PDB file of N, CA and C in Angstrom:
ATOM      1  N   ALA A   1     -70.371 -73.087  86.823  1.00  0.00           N
ATOM      2  CA  ALA A   1     -70.981 -72.422  87.963  1.00  0.00           C
ATOM      3  C   ALA A   1     -70.049 -72.466  89.170  1.00  0.00           C
ATOM      4  N   ASP A   2     -69.256 -73.508  89.305  1.00  0.00           N
ATOM      5  CA  ASP A   2     -68.369 -73.614  90.466  1.00  0.00           C
ATOM      6  C   ASP A   2     -67.410 -72.438  90.561  1.00  0.00           C
ATOM      7  N   ILE A   3     -66.798 -72.081  89.447  1.00  0.00           N
ATOM      8  CA  ILE A   3     -65.820 -70.995  89.482  1.00  0.00           C
ATOM      9  C   ILE A   3     -66.502 -69.669  89.810  1.00  0.00           C
ATOM     10  N   ALA A   4     -67.706 -69.466  89.280  1.00  0.00           N
ATOM     11  CA  ALA A   4     -68.438 -68.235  89.580  1.00  0.00           C
ATOM     12  C   ALA A   4     -68.772 -68.151  91.064  1.00  0.00           C
ATOM     13  N   GLU A   5     -69.189 -69.267  91.635  1.00  0.00           N
ATOM     14  CA  GLU A   5     -69.505 -69.293  93.064  1.00  0.00           C
ATOM     15  C   GLU A   5     -68.263 -68.997  93.904  1.00  0.00           C
ATOM     16  N   LEU A   6     -67.140 -69.565  93.531  1.00  0.00           N
ATOM     17  CA  LEU A   6     -65.900 -69.310  94.274  1.00  0.00           C
ATOM     18  C   LEU A   6     -65.487 -67.846  94.186  1.00  0.00           C
ATOM     19  N   ILE A   7     -65.603 -67.281  92.994  1.00  0.00           N
ATOM     20  CA  ILE A   7     -65.212 -65.884  92.821  1.00  0.00           C
ATOM     21  C   ILE A   7     -66.152 -64.965  93.588  1.00  0.00           C
ATOM     22  N   LEU A   8     -67.448 -65.293  93.587  1.00  0.00           N
ATOM     23  CA  LEU A   8     -68.389 -64.484  94.361  1.00  0.00           C
ATOM     24  C   LEU A   8     -68.099 -64.563  95.853  1.00  0.00           C
ATOM     25  N   ARG A   9     -67.710 -65.745  96.308  1.00  0.00           N
ATOM     26  CA  ARG A   9     -67.422 -65.929  97.726  1.00  0.00           C
ATOM     27  C   ARG A   9     -66.193 -65.120  98.141  1.00  0.00           C
ATOM     28  N   GLU A  10     -65.217 -65.069  97.268  1.00  0.00           N
ATOM     29  CA  GLU A  10     -64.003 -64.299  97.550  1.00  0.00           C
ATOM     30  C   GLU A  10     -64.187 -62.888  96.996  1.00  0.00           C
ATOM     31  N   LYS A  11     -63.933 -61.918  97.803  1.00  0.00           N
ATOM     32  CA  LYS A  11     -64.021 -60.533  97.335  1.00  0.00           C
ATOM     33  C   LYS A  11     -62.854 -60.259  96.393  1.00  0.00           C
ATOM     34  N   ARG A  12     -63.120 -59.463  95.381  1.00  0.00           N
ATOM     35  CA  ARG A  12     -62.113 -59.167  94.359  1.00  0.00           C
ATOM     36  C   ARG A  12     -60.804 -58.665  94.978  1.00  0.00           C
ATOM     37  N   ASP A  13     -60.896 -57.738  95.927  1.00  0.00           N
ATOM     38  CA  ASP A  13     -59.684 -57.201  96.554  1.00  0.00           C
ATOM     39  C   ASP A  13     -58.906 -58.284  97.287  1.00  0.00           C
ATOM     40  N   GLU A  14     -59.623 -59.230  97.893  1.00  0.00           N
ATOM     41  CA  GLU A  14     -58.944 -60.306  98.614  1.00  0.00           C
ATOM     42  C   GLU A  14     -58.181 -61.210  97.654  1.00  0.00           C
ATOM     43  N   ILE A  15     -58.750 -61.436  96.475  1.00  0.00           N
ATOM     44  CA  ILE A  15     -58.056 -62.240  95.465  1.00  0.00           C
ATOM     45  C   ILE A  15     -56.771 -61.525  95.044  1.00  0.00           C
ATOM     46  N   TYR A  16     -56.872 -60.214  94.776  1.00  0.00           N
ATOM     47  CA  TYR A  16     -55.690 -59.453  94.366  1.00  0.00           C
ATOM     48  C   TYR A  16     -54.638 -59.425  95.468  1.00  0.00           C
ATOM     49  N   ASN A  17     -55.089 -59.386  96.725  1.00  0.00           N
ATOM     50  CA  ASN A  17     -54.133 -59.373  97.831  1.00  0.00           C
ATOM     51  C   ASN A  17     -53.370 -60.691  97.935  1.00  0.00           C
ATOM     52  N   LEU A  18     -54.022 -61.795  97.612  1.00  0.00           N
ATOM     53  CA  LEU A  18     -53.353 -63.095  97.699  1.00  0.00           C
ATOM     54  C   LEU A  18     -52.496 -63.380  96.470  1.00  0.00           C
ATOM     55  N   THR A  19     -52.998 -63.037  95.305  1.00  0.00           N
ATOM     56  CA  THR A  19     -52.239 -63.299  94.075  1.00  0.00           C
ATOM     57  C   THR A  19     -52.717 -62.386  92.959  1.00  0.00           C
ATOM     58  N   GLU A  20     -51.778 -61.877  92.204  1.00  0.00           N
ATOM     59  CA  GLU A  20     -52.123 -61.053  91.048  1.00  0.00           C
ATOM     60  C   GLU A  20     -52.291 -61.905  89.793  1.00  0.00           C
ATOM     61  N   HIS A  21     -52.013 -63.188  89.902  1.00  0.00           N
ATOM     62  CA  HIS A  21     -51.983 -64.046  88.716  1.00  0.00           C
ATOM     63  C   HIS A  21     -53.358 -64.572  88.287  1.00  0.00           C
ATOM     64  N   ILE A  22     -54.331 -64.586  89.186  1.00  0.00           N
ATOM     65  CA  ILE A  22     -55.674 -65.060  88.816  1.00  0.00           C
ATOM     66  C   ILE A  22     -56.266 -64.194  87.700  1.00  0.00           C
ATOM     67  N   PRO A  23     -56.239 -62.866  87.809  1.00  0.00           N
ATOM     68  CA  PRO A  23     -56.770 -62.061  86.701  1.00  0.00           C
ATOM     69  C   PRO A  23     -56.017 -62.296  85.386  1.00  0.00           C
ATOM     70  N   GLU A  24     -54.705 -62.505  85.471  1.00  0.00           N
ATOM     71  CA  GLU A  24     -53.928 -62.818  84.265  1.00  0.00           C
ATOM     72  C   GLU A  24     -54.404 -64.131  83.649  1.00  0.00           C
ATOM     73  N   MET A  25     -54.637 -65.129  84.499  1.00  0.00           N
ATOM     74  CA  MET A  25     -55.118 -66.426  84.014  1.00  0.00           C
ATOM     75  C   MET A  25     -56.485 -66.273  83.361  1.00  0.00           C
ATOM     76  N   ALA A  26     -57.362 -65.505  83.992  1.00  0.00           N
ATOM     77  CA  ALA A  26     -58.708 -65.297  83.451  1.00  0.00           C
ATOM     78  C   ALA A  26     -58.636 -64.656  82.068  1.00  0.00           C
ATOM     79  N   LYS A  27     -57.813 -63.631  81.948  1.00  0.00           N
ATOM     80  CA  LYS A  27     -57.679 -62.931  80.669  1.00  0.00           C
ATOM     81  C   LYS A  27     -57.125 -63.858  79.588  1.00  0.00           C
ATOM     82  N   GLU A  28     -56.063 -64.577  79.915  1.00  0.00           N
ATOM     83  CA  GLU A  28     -55.424 -65.447  78.918  1.00  0.00           C
ATOM     84  C   GLU A  28     -56.343 -66.590  78.495  1.00  0.00           C
ATOM     85  N   THR A  29     -57.026 -67.221  79.445  1.00  0.00           N
ATOM     86  CA  THR A  29     -57.895 -68.344  79.072  1.00  0.00           C
ATOM     87  C   THR A  29     -59.098 -67.865  78.272  1.00  0.00           C
ATOM     88  N   LYS A  30     -59.611 -66.683  78.595  1.00  0.00           N
ATOM     89  CA  LYS A  30     -60.722 -66.128  77.812  1.00  0.00           C
ATOM     90  C   LYS A  30     -60.290 -65.931  76.360  1.00  0.00           C
ATOM     91  N   LEU A  31     -59.112 -65.352  76.177  1.00  0.00           N
ATOM     92  CA  LEU A  31     -58.588 -65.154  74.823  1.00  0.00           C
ATOM     93  C   LEU A  31     -58.342 -66.486  74.124  1.00  0.00           C
ATOM     94  N   MET A  32     -57.777 -67.441  74.851  1.00  0.00           N
ATOM     95  CA  MET A  32     -57.480 -68.750  74.258  1.00  0.00           C
ATOM     96  C   MET A  32     -58.746 -69.434  73.758  1.00  0.00           C
ATOM     97  N   VAL A  33     -59.795 -69.433  74.573  1.00  0.00           N
ATOM     98  CA  VAL A  33     -61.040 -70.104  74.171  1.00  0.00           C
ATOM     99  C   VAL A  33     -61.644 -69.410  72.957  1.00  0.00           C
ATOM    100  N   GLY A  34     -61.704 -68.083  72.989  1.00  0.00           N
ATOM    101  CA  GLY A  34     -62.246 -67.351  71.844  1.00  0.00           C
ATOM    102  C   GLY A  34     -61.449 -67.612  70.578  1.00  0.00           C
ATOM    103  N   ASP A  35     -60.131 -67.572  70.701  1.00  0.00           N
ATOM    104  CA  ASP A  35     -59.271 -67.825  69.545  1.00  0.00           C
ATOM    105  C   ASP A  35     -59.378 -69.272  69.068  1.00  0.00           C
ATOM    106  N   ALA A  36     -59.516 -70.213  70.004  1.00  0.00           N
ATOM    107  CA  ALA A  36     -59.635 -71.629  69.631  1.00  0.00           C
ATOM    108  C   ALA A  36     -60.923 -71.878  68.857  1.00  0.00           C
ATOM    109  N   VAL A  37     -62.012 -71.288  69.301  1.00  0.00           N
ATOM    110  CA  VAL A  37     -63.286 -71.437  68.589  1.00  0.00           C
ATOM    111  C   VAL A  37     -63.177 -70.808  67.203  1.00  0.00           C
ATOM    112  N   GLU A  38     -62.553 -69.645  67.129  1.00  0.00           N
ATOM    113  CA  GLU A  38     -62.353 -68.984  65.840  1.00  0.00           C
ATOM    114  C   GLU A  38     -61.498 -69.846  64.908  1.00  0.00           C
ATOM    115  N   ALA A  39     -60.426 -70.430  65.435  1.00  0.00           N
ATOM    116  CA  ALA A  39     -59.567 -71.306  64.628  1.00  0.00           C
ATOM    117  C   ALA A  39     -60.350 -72.518  64.139  1.00  0.00           C
ATOM    118  N   PHE A  40     -61.198 -73.070  64.997  1.00  0.00           N
ATOM    119  CA  PHE A  40     -62.008 -74.232  64.618  1.00  0.00           C
ATOM    120  C   PHE A  40     -62.981 -73.865  63.499  1.00  0.00           C
ATOM    121  N   ILE A  41     -63.677 -72.751  63.666  1.00  0.00           N
ATOM    122  CA  ILE A  41     -64.659 -72.318  62.664  1.00  0.00           C
ATOM    123  C   ILE A  41     -63.984 -72.026  61.333  1.00  0.00           C
ATOM    124  N   ASN A  42     -62.820 -71.380  61.378  1.00  0.00           N
ATOM    125  CA  ASN A  42     -62.111 -70.992  60.156  1.00  0.00           C
ATOM    126  C   ASN A  42     -61.148 -72.059  59.653  1.00  0.00           C
ATOM    127  N   VAL A  43     -61.111 -73.190  60.338  1.00  0.00           N
ATOM    128  CA  VAL A  43     -60.214 -74.292  59.993  1.00  0.00           C
ATOM    129  C   VAL A  43     -58.780 -73.762  59.826  1.00  0.00           C
ATOM    130  N   ASP A  44     -58.326 -73.053  60.835  1.00  0.00           N
ATOM    131  CA  ASP A  44     -57.017 -72.398  60.813  1.00  0.00           C
ATOM    132  C   ASP A  44     -56.042 -73.187  61.692  1.00  0.00           C
ATOM    133  N   ILE A  45     -55.309 -74.107  61.066  1.00  0.00           N
ATOM    134  CA  ILE A  45     -54.391 -74.977  61.806  1.00  0.00           C
ATOM    135  C   ILE A  45     -53.237 -74.176  62.413  1.00  0.00           C
ATOM    136  N   GLU A  46     -52.719 -73.202  61.678  1.00  0.00           N
ATOM    137  CA  GLU A  46     -51.602 -72.408  62.206  1.00  0.00           C
ATOM    138  C   GLU A  46     -52.003 -71.684  63.487  1.00  0.00           C
ATOM    139  N   LYS A  47     -53.183 -71.096  63.477  1.00  0.00           N
ATOM    140  CA  LYS A  47     -53.663 -70.409  64.678  1.00  0.00           C
ATOM    141  C   LYS A  47     -53.876 -71.411  65.805  1.00  0.00           C
ATOM    142  N   ALA A  48     -54.410 -72.574  65.481  1.00  0.00           N
ATOM    143  CA  ALA A  48     -54.636 -73.608  66.497  1.00  0.00           C
ATOM    144  C   ALA A  48     -53.317 -74.027  67.142  1.00  0.00           C
ATOM    145  N   GLN A  49     -52.277 -74.176  66.337  1.00  0.00           N
ATOM    146  CA  GLN A  49     -50.976 -74.574  66.882  1.00  0.00           C
ATOM    147  C   GLN A  49     -50.387 -73.484  67.772  1.00  0.00           C
ATOM    148  N   GLU A  50     -50.598 -72.228  67.401  1.00  0.00           N
ATOM    149  CA  GLU A  50     -50.116 -71.105  68.212  1.00  0.00           C
ATOM    150  C   GLU A  50     -50.836 -71.072  69.559  1.00  0.00           C
ATOM    151  N   ILE A  51     -52.121 -71.327  69.551  1.00  0.00           N
ATOM    152  CA  ILE A  51     -52.908 -71.335  70.790  1.00  0.00           C
ATOM    153  C   ILE A  51     -52.437 -72.455  71.708  1.00  0.00           C
ATOM    154  N   LYS A  52     -52.126 -73.597  71.146  1.00  0.00           N
ATOM    155  CA  LYS A  52     -51.639 -74.715  71.963  1.00  0.00           C
ATOM    156  C   LYS A  52     -50.369 -74.329  72.717  1.00  0.00           C
ATOM    157  N   LEU A  53     -49.519 -73.526  72.106  1.00  0.00           N
ATOM    158  CA  LEU A  53     -48.294 -73.076  72.774  1.00  0.00           C
ATOM    159  C   LEU A  53     -48.596 -72.109  73.918  1.00  0.00           C
ATOM    160  N   ARG A  54     -49.664 -71.333  73.773  1.00  0.00           N
ATOM    161  CA  ARG A  54     -50.032 -70.365  74.816  1.00  0.00           C
ATOM    162  C   ARG A  54     -50.494 -71.052  76.097  1.00  0.00           C
ATOM    163  N   ASP A  55     -50.844 -72.314  76.020  1.00  0.00           N
ATOM    164  CA  ASP A  55     -51.259 -73.033  77.225  1.00  0.00           C
ATOM    165  C   ASP A  55     -50.120 -73.105  78.237  1.00  0.00           C
ATOM    166  N   ASP A  56     -48.891 -73.078  77.760  1.00  0.00           N
ATOM    167  CA  ASP A  56     -47.741 -73.087  78.677  1.00  0.00           C
ATOM    168  C   ASP A  56     -47.749 -71.861  79.587  1.00  0.00           C
ATOM    169  N   VAL A  57     -48.209 -70.731  79.067  1.00  0.00           N
ATOM    170  CA  VAL A  57     -48.297 -69.505  79.869  1.00  0.00           C
ATOM    171  C   VAL A  57     -49.276 -69.710  81.018  1.00  0.00           C
ATOM    172  N   VAL A  58     -50.428 -70.291  80.713  1.00  0.00           N
ATOM    173  CA  VAL A  58     -51.444 -70.539  81.740  1.00  0.00           C
ATOM    174  C   VAL A  58     -50.918 -71.536  82.767  1.00  0.00           C
ATOM    175  N   ASP A  59     -50.235 -72.567  82.308  1.00  0.00           N
ATOM    176  CA  ASP A  59     -49.664 -73.553  83.233  1.00  0.00           C
ATOM    177  C   ASP A  59     -48.642 -72.904  84.170  1.00  0.00           C
ATOM    178  N   GLU A  60     -47.825 -72.005  83.628  1.00  0.00           N
ATOM    179  CA  GLU A  60     -46.838 -71.302  84.456  1.00  0.00           C
ATOM    180  C   GLU A  60     -47.522 -70.398  85.482  1.00  0.00           C
ATOM    181  N   LEU A  61     -48.596 -69.741  85.074  1.00  0.00           N
ATOM    182  CA  LEU A  61     -49.342 -68.899  86.016  1.00  0.00           C
ATOM    183  C   LEU A  61     -49.947 -69.743  87.131  1.00  0.00           C
ATOM    184  N   PHE A  62     -50.460 -70.923  86.774  1.00  0.00           N
ATOM    185  CA  PHE A  62     -51.004 -71.816  87.802  1.00  0.00           C
ATOM    186  C   PHE A  62     -49.917 -72.189  88.809  1.00  0.00           C
ATOM    187  N   ASP A  63     -48.743 -72.516  88.308  1.00  0.00           N
ATOM    188  CA  ASP A  63     -47.635 -72.870  89.205  1.00  0.00           C
ATOM    189  C   ASP A  63     -47.274 -71.709  90.132  1.00  0.00           C
ATOM    190  N   LYS A  64     -47.325 -70.485  89.612  1.00  0.00           N
ATOM    191  CA  LYS A  64     -47.037 -69.312  90.442  1.00  0.00           C
ATOM    192  C   LYS A  64     -48.084 -69.154  91.541  1.00  0.00           C
ATOM    193  N   VAL A  65     -49.360 -69.323  91.179  1.00  0.00           N
ATOM    194  CA  VAL A  65     -50.430 -69.225  92.180  1.00  0.00           C
ATOM    195  C   VAL A  65     -50.238 -70.293  93.248  1.00  0.00           C
ATOM    196  N   LYS A  66     -49.956 -71.510  92.807  1.00  0.00           N
ATOM    197  CA  LYS A  66     -49.753 -72.608  93.757  1.00  0.00           C
ATOM    198  C   LYS A  66     -48.600 -72.293  94.708  1.00  0.00           C
ATOM    199  N   ASP A  67     -47.506 -71.789  94.169  1.00  0.00           N
ATOM    200  CA  ASP A  67     -46.355 -71.434  95.008  1.00  0.00           C
ATOM    201  C   ASP A  67     -46.709 -70.330  96.002  1.00  0.00           C
ATOM    202  N   GLU A  68     -47.483 -69.352  95.552  1.00  0.00           N
ATOM    203  CA  GLU A  68     -47.902 -68.268  96.447  1.00  0.00           C
ATOM    204  C   GLU A  68     -48.798 -68.789  97.567  1.00  0.00           C
ATOM    205  N   VAL A  69     -49.718 -69.668  97.218  1.00  0.00           N
ATOM    206  CA  VAL A  69     -50.616 -70.243  98.226  1.00  0.00           C
ATOM    207  C   VAL A  69     -49.816 -71.037  99.256  1.00  0.00           C
ATOM    208  N   VAL A  70     -48.876 -71.829  98.792  1.00  0.00           N
ATOM    209  CA  VAL A  70     -48.038 -72.613  99.710  1.00  0.00           C
ATOM    210  C   VAL A  70     -47.265 -71.680 100.641  1.00  0.00           C
ATOM    211  N   ALA A  71     -46.713 -70.606 100.101  1.00  0.00           N
ATOM    212  CA  ALA A  71     -45.957 -69.653 100.921  1.00  0.00           C
ATOM    213  C   ALA A  71     -46.849 -69.002 101.980  1.00  0.00           C
ATOM    214  N   ILE A  72     -48.061 -68.649 101.604  1.00  0.00           N
ATOM    215  CA  ILE A  72     -49.004 -68.045 102.557  1.00  0.00           C
ATOM    216  C   ILE A  72     -49.336 -69.031 103.667  1.00  0.00           C
ATOM    217  N   LEU A  73     -49.604 -70.270 103.292  1.00  0.00           N
ATOM    218  CA  LEU A  73     -49.988 -71.277 104.283  1.00  0.00           C
ATOM    219  C   LEU A  73     -48.831 -71.643 105.204  1.00  0.00           C
ATOM    220  N   ARG A  74     -47.608 -71.540 104.720  1.00  0.00           N
ATOM    221  CA  ARG A  74     -46.447 -71.809 105.581  1.00  0.00           C
ATOM    222  C   ARG A  74     -46.298 -70.746 106.664  1.00  0.00           C
ATOM    223  N   LYS A  75     -46.695 -69.519 106.335  1.00  0.00           N
ATOM    224  CA  LYS A  75     -46.591 -68.420 107.294  1.00  0.00           C
ATOM    225  C   LYS A  75     -47.702 -68.464 108.340  1.00  0.00           C
ATOM    226  N   SER A  76     -48.915 -68.801 107.890  1.00  0.00           N
ATOM    227  CA  SER A  76     -50.064 -68.729 108.789  1.00  0.00           C
ATOM    228  C   SER A  76     -51.178 -69.624 108.269  1.00  0.00           C
ATOM    229  N   SER A  77     -51.951 -70.146 109.190  1.00  0.00           N
ATOM    230  CA  SER A  77     -53.087 -70.986 108.792  1.00  0.00           C
ATOM    231  C   SER A  77     -54.406 -70.221 108.895  1.00  0.00           C
ATOM    232  N   GLU A  78     -54.338 -68.909 109.039  1.00  0.00           N
ATOM    233  CA  GLU A  78     -55.544 -68.100 109.189  1.00  0.00           C
ATOM    234  C   GLU A  78     -56.364 -68.004 107.907  1.00  0.00           C
ATOM    235  N   GLN A  79     -55.737 -68.180 106.768  1.00  0.00           N
ATOM    236  CA  GLN A  79     -56.428 -68.000 105.489  1.00  0.00           C
ATOM    237  C   GLN A  79     -56.568 -69.312 104.719  1.00  0.00           C
ATOM    238  N   VAL A  80     -56.680 -70.409 105.414  1.00  0.00           N
ATOM    239  CA  VAL A  80     -56.722 -71.714 104.748  1.00  0.00           C
ATOM    240  C   VAL A  80     -57.889 -71.797 103.771  1.00  0.00           C
ATOM    241  N   ASP A  81     -59.092 -71.463 104.221  1.00  0.00           N
ATOM    242  CA  ASP A  81     -60.261 -71.560 103.338  1.00  0.00           C
ATOM    243  C   ASP A  81     -60.104 -70.679 102.107  1.00  0.00           C
ATOM    244  N   GLN A  82     -59.642 -69.475 102.320  1.00  0.00           N
ATOM    245  CA  GLN A  82     -59.450 -68.549 101.212  1.00  0.00           C
ATOM    246  C   GLN A  82     -58.374 -69.065 100.251  1.00  0.00           C
ATOM    247  N   CYS A  83     -57.304 -69.608 100.791  1.00  0.00           N
ATOM    248  CA  CYS A  83     -56.236 -70.152  99.945  1.00  0.00           C
ATOM    249  C   CYS A  83     -56.721 -71.340  99.123  1.00  0.00           C
ATOM    250  N   VAL A  84     -57.524 -72.193  99.724  1.00  0.00           N
ATOM    251  CA  VAL A  84     -58.073 -73.335  98.985  1.00  0.00           C
ATOM    252  C   VAL A  84     -58.958 -72.833  97.851  1.00  0.00           C
ATOM    253  N   ASP A  85     -59.797 -71.836  98.129  1.00  0.00           N
ATOM    254  CA  ASP A  85     -60.647 -71.271  97.076  1.00  0.00           C
ATOM    255  C   ASP A  85     -59.811 -70.682  95.945  1.00  0.00           C
ATOM    256  N   ILE A  86     -58.765 -69.952  96.288  1.00  0.00           N
ATOM    257  CA  ILE A  86     -57.888 -69.355  95.271  1.00  0.00           C
ATOM    258  C   ILE A  86     -57.243 -70.447  94.418  1.00  0.00           C
ATOM    259  N   LEU A  87     -56.785 -71.503  95.061  1.00  0.00           N
ATOM    260  CA  LEU A  87     -56.161 -72.602  94.325  1.00  0.00           C
ATOM    261  C   LEU A  87     -57.169 -73.289  93.405  1.00  0.00           C
ATOM    262  N   MET A  88     -58.404 -73.447  93.873  1.00  0.00           N
ATOM    263  CA  MET A  88     -59.447 -74.049  93.032  1.00  0.00           C
ATOM    264  C   MET A  88     -59.753 -73.160  91.827  1.00  0.00           C
ATOM    265  N   ILE A  89     -59.848 -71.858  92.056  1.00  0.00           N
ATOM    266  CA  ILE A  89     -60.096 -70.928  90.953  1.00  0.00           C
ATOM    267  C   ILE A  89     -58.973 -71.043  89.921  1.00  0.00           C
ATOM    268  N   ALA A  90     -57.743 -71.054  90.389  1.00  0.00           N
ATOM    269  CA  ALA A  90     -56.597 -71.176  89.480  1.00  0.00           C
ATOM    270  C   ALA A  90     -56.650 -72.489  88.706  1.00  0.00           C
ATOM    271  N   LYS A  91     -57.018 -73.572  89.378  1.00  0.00           N
ATOM    272  CA  LYS A  91     -57.096 -74.879  88.712  1.00  0.00           C
ATOM    273  C   LYS A  91     -58.187 -74.882  87.652  1.00  0.00           C
ATOM    274  N   TYR A  92     -59.325 -74.250  87.959  1.00  0.00           N
ATOM    275  CA  TYR A  92     -60.390 -74.168  86.952  1.00  0.00           C
ATOM    276  C   TYR A  92     -59.900 -73.413  85.716  1.00  0.00           C
ATOM    277  N   PHE A  93     -59.207 -72.302  85.906  1.00  0.00           N
ATOM    278  CA  PHE A  93     -58.683 -71.569  84.753  1.00  0.00           C
ATOM    279  C   PHE A  93     -57.648 -72.399  83.997  1.00  0.00           C
ATOM    280  N   GLU A  94     -56.826 -73.136  84.706  1.00  0.00           N
ATOM    281  CA  GLU A  94     -55.839 -74.003  84.051  1.00  0.00           C
ATOM    282  C   GLU A  94     -56.547 -75.041  83.183  1.00  0.00           C
ATOM    283  N   ARG A  95     -57.637 -75.599  83.692  1.00  0.00           N
ATOM    284  CA  ARG A  95     -58.406 -76.591  82.926  1.00  0.00           C
ATOM    285  C   ARG A  95     -59.095 -75.950  81.720  1.00  0.00           C
ATOM    286  N   ILE A  96     -59.556 -74.711  81.872  1.00  0.00           N
ATOM    287  CA  ILE A  96     -60.158 -74.004  80.740  1.00  0.00           C
ATOM    288  C   ILE A  96     -59.122 -73.867  79.623  1.00  0.00           C
ATOM    289  N   GLY A  97     -57.886 -73.554  79.985  1.00  0.00           N
ATOM    290  CA  GLY A  97     -56.815 -73.504  78.990  1.00  0.00           C
ATOM    291  C   GLY A  97     -56.619 -74.847  78.307  1.00  0.00           C
ATOM    292  N   ASP A  98     -56.699 -75.922  79.090  1.00  0.00           N
ATOM    293  CA  ASP A  98     -56.585 -77.272  78.514  1.00  0.00           C
ATOM    294  C   ASP A  98     -57.725 -77.554  77.540  1.00  0.00           C
ATOM    295  N   HIS A  99     -58.921 -77.086  77.870  1.00  0.00           N
ATOM    296  CA  HIS A  99     -60.062 -77.289  76.966  1.00  0.00           C
ATOM    297  C   HIS A  99     -59.873 -76.511  75.661  1.00  0.00           C
ATOM    298  N   ALA A 100     -59.288 -75.319  75.746  1.00  0.00           N
ATOM    299  CA  ALA A 100     -58.983 -74.566  74.527  1.00  0.00           C
ATOM    300  C   ALA A 100     -58.012 -75.357  73.654  1.00  0.00           C
ATOM    301  N   VAL A 101     -57.036 -75.994  74.285  1.00  0.00           N
ATOM    302  CA  VAL A 101     -56.090 -76.845  73.552  1.00  0.00           C
ATOM    303  C   VAL A 101     -56.829 -78.009  72.892  1.00  0.00           C
ATOM    304  N   ASN A 102     -57.785 -78.595  73.593  1.00  0.00           N
ATOM    305  CA  ASN A 102     -58.567 -79.693  73.011  1.00  0.00           C
ATOM    306  C   ASN A 102     -59.309 -79.243  71.755  1.00  0.00           C
ATOM    307  N   ILE A 103     -59.872 -78.043  71.779  1.00  0.00           N
ATOM    308  CA  ILE A 103     -60.546 -77.506  70.593  1.00  0.00           C
ATOM    309  C   ILE A 103     -59.542 -77.380  69.452  1.00  0.00           C
ATOM    310  N   CYS A 104     -58.343 -76.920  69.761  1.00  0.00           N
ATOM    311  CA  CYS A 104     -57.298 -76.786  68.740  1.00  0.00           C
ATOM    312  C   CYS A 104     -56.889 -78.146  68.180  1.00  0.00           C
ATOM    313  N   GLU A 105     -56.837 -79.143  69.038  1.00  0.00           N
ATOM    314  CA  GLU A 105     -56.502 -80.490  68.570  1.00  0.00           C
ATOM    315  C   GLU A 105     -57.592 -81.034  67.652  1.00  0.00           C
ATOM    316  N   TRP A 106     -58.847 -80.727  67.938  1.00  0.00           N
ATOM    317  CA  TRP A 106     -59.935 -81.133  67.045  1.00  0.00           C
ATOM    318  C   TRP A 106     -59.826 -80.407  65.706  1.00  0.00           C
ATOM    319  N   THR A 107     -59.413 -79.160  65.729  1.00  0.00           N
ATOM    320  CA  THR A 107     -59.209 -78.413  64.484  1.00  0.00           C
ATOM    321  C   THR A 107     -58.150 -79.107  63.639  1.00  0.00           C
ATOM    322  N   GLU A 108     -57.049 -79.445  64.281  1.00  0.00           N
ATOM    323  CA  GLU A 108     -55.955 -80.141  63.596  1.00  0.00           C
ATOM    324  C   GLU A 108     -56.427 -81.495  63.058  1.00  0.00           C
ATOM    325  N   PHE A 109     -57.156 -82.235  63.879  1.00  0.00           N
ATOM    326  CA  PHE A 109     -57.634 -83.554  63.478  1.00  0.00           C
ATOM    327  C   PHE A 109     -58.595 -83.468  62.295  1.00  0.00           C
ATOM    328  N   ASN A 110     -59.492 -82.485  62.311  1.00  0.00           N
ATOM    329  CA  ASN A 110     -60.473 -82.352  61.229  1.00  0.00           C
ATOM    330  C   ASN A 110     -59.816 -82.144  59.873  1.00  0.00           C
ATOM    331  N   VAL A 111     -58.646 -81.538  59.864  1.00  0.00           N
ATOM    332  CA  VAL A 111     -57.958 -81.265  58.603  1.00  0.00           C
ATOM    333  C   VAL A 111     -56.994 -82.382  58.229  1.00  0.00           C
ATOM    334  N   THR A 112     -56.229 -82.872  59.197  1.00  0.00           N
ATOM    335  CA  THR A 112     -55.130 -83.793  58.891  1.00  0.00           C
ATOM    336  C   THR A 112     -55.423 -85.253  59.210  1.00  0.00           C
ATOM    337  N   GLY A 113     -56.413 -85.495  60.063  1.00  0.00           N
ATOM    338  CA  GLY A 113     -56.670 -86.870  60.498  1.00  0.00           C
ATOM    339  C   GLY A 113     -55.690 -87.335  61.557  1.00  0.00           C
ATOM    340  N   SER A 114     -54.870 -86.407  62.052  1.00  0.00           N
ATOM    341  CA  SER A 114     -53.924 -86.758  63.111  1.00  0.00           C
ATOM    342  C   SER A 114     -53.886 -85.643  64.151  1.00  0.00           C
ATOM    343  N   VAL A 115     -53.415 -86.014  65.334  1.00  0.00           N
ATOM    344  CA  VAL A 115     -53.250 -85.055  66.422  1.00  0.00           C
ATOM    345  C   VAL A 115     -51.864 -85.279  67.004  1.00  0.00           C
ATOM    346  N   ASN A 116     -51.120 -84.187  67.187  1.00  0.00           N
ATOM    347  CA  ASN A 116     -49.763 -84.275  67.739  1.00  0.00           C
ATOM    348  C   ASN A 116     -48.907 -85.268  66.956  1.00  0.00           C
ATOM    349  N   ASN A 117     -49.064 -85.229  65.630  1.00  0.00           N
ATOM    350  CA  ASN A 117     -48.311 -86.087  64.709  1.00  0.00           C
ATOM    351  C   ASN A 117     -48.599 -87.575  64.883  1.00  0.00           C
ATOM    352  N   ILE A 118     -49.713 -87.913  65.497  1.00  0.00           N
ATOM    353  CA  ILE A 118     -50.142 -89.311  65.613  1.00  0.00           C
ATOM    354  C   ILE A 118     -51.320 -89.501  64.667  1.00  0.00           C
ATOM    355  N   ARG A 119     -51.125 -90.342  63.682  1.00  0.00           N
ATOM    356  CA  ARG A 119     -52.165 -90.582  62.679  1.00  0.00           C
ATOM    357  C   ARG A 119     -53.289 -91.394  63.301  1.00  0.00           C
ATOM    358  N   ILE A 120     -54.504 -90.859  63.265  1.00  0.00           N
ATOM    359  CA  ILE A 120     -55.669 -91.536  63.829  1.00  0.00           C
ATOM    360  C   ILE A 120     -56.442 -92.268  62.737  1.00  0.00           C
ATOM    361  N   LEU A 121     -56.598 -91.621  61.606  1.00  0.00           N
ATOM    362  CA  LEU A 121     -57.346 -92.216  60.486  1.00  0.00           C
ATOM    363  C   LEU A 121     -56.437 -92.518  59.322  1.00  0.00           C
TER     364      LEU A 121
END
């Protein structure tokens, strides 16, 4: 609910004016979660491993948003509240990507008994 409230508070055009990367993050994390659930249901380790690599894309987008917010704040303090909201939205999407990775790690664990080549069982 937090991310929905933040997005409602910020007008769509204002988000695009501050950064074009939020919509990219939303699209990628949506795909990652859907694909991660599909990999889990189908016990598809190869797909799970591919999804884990896609998290780097989301992390890079988060870094770009953060850099853009810092640049905006260095120029002017007029948009502080809006910049904080944008950064929070980006962080929520970054965490959603991390959760997709967690689903993939559970897929891997269910089949192999290990995660990231660390034997658990």
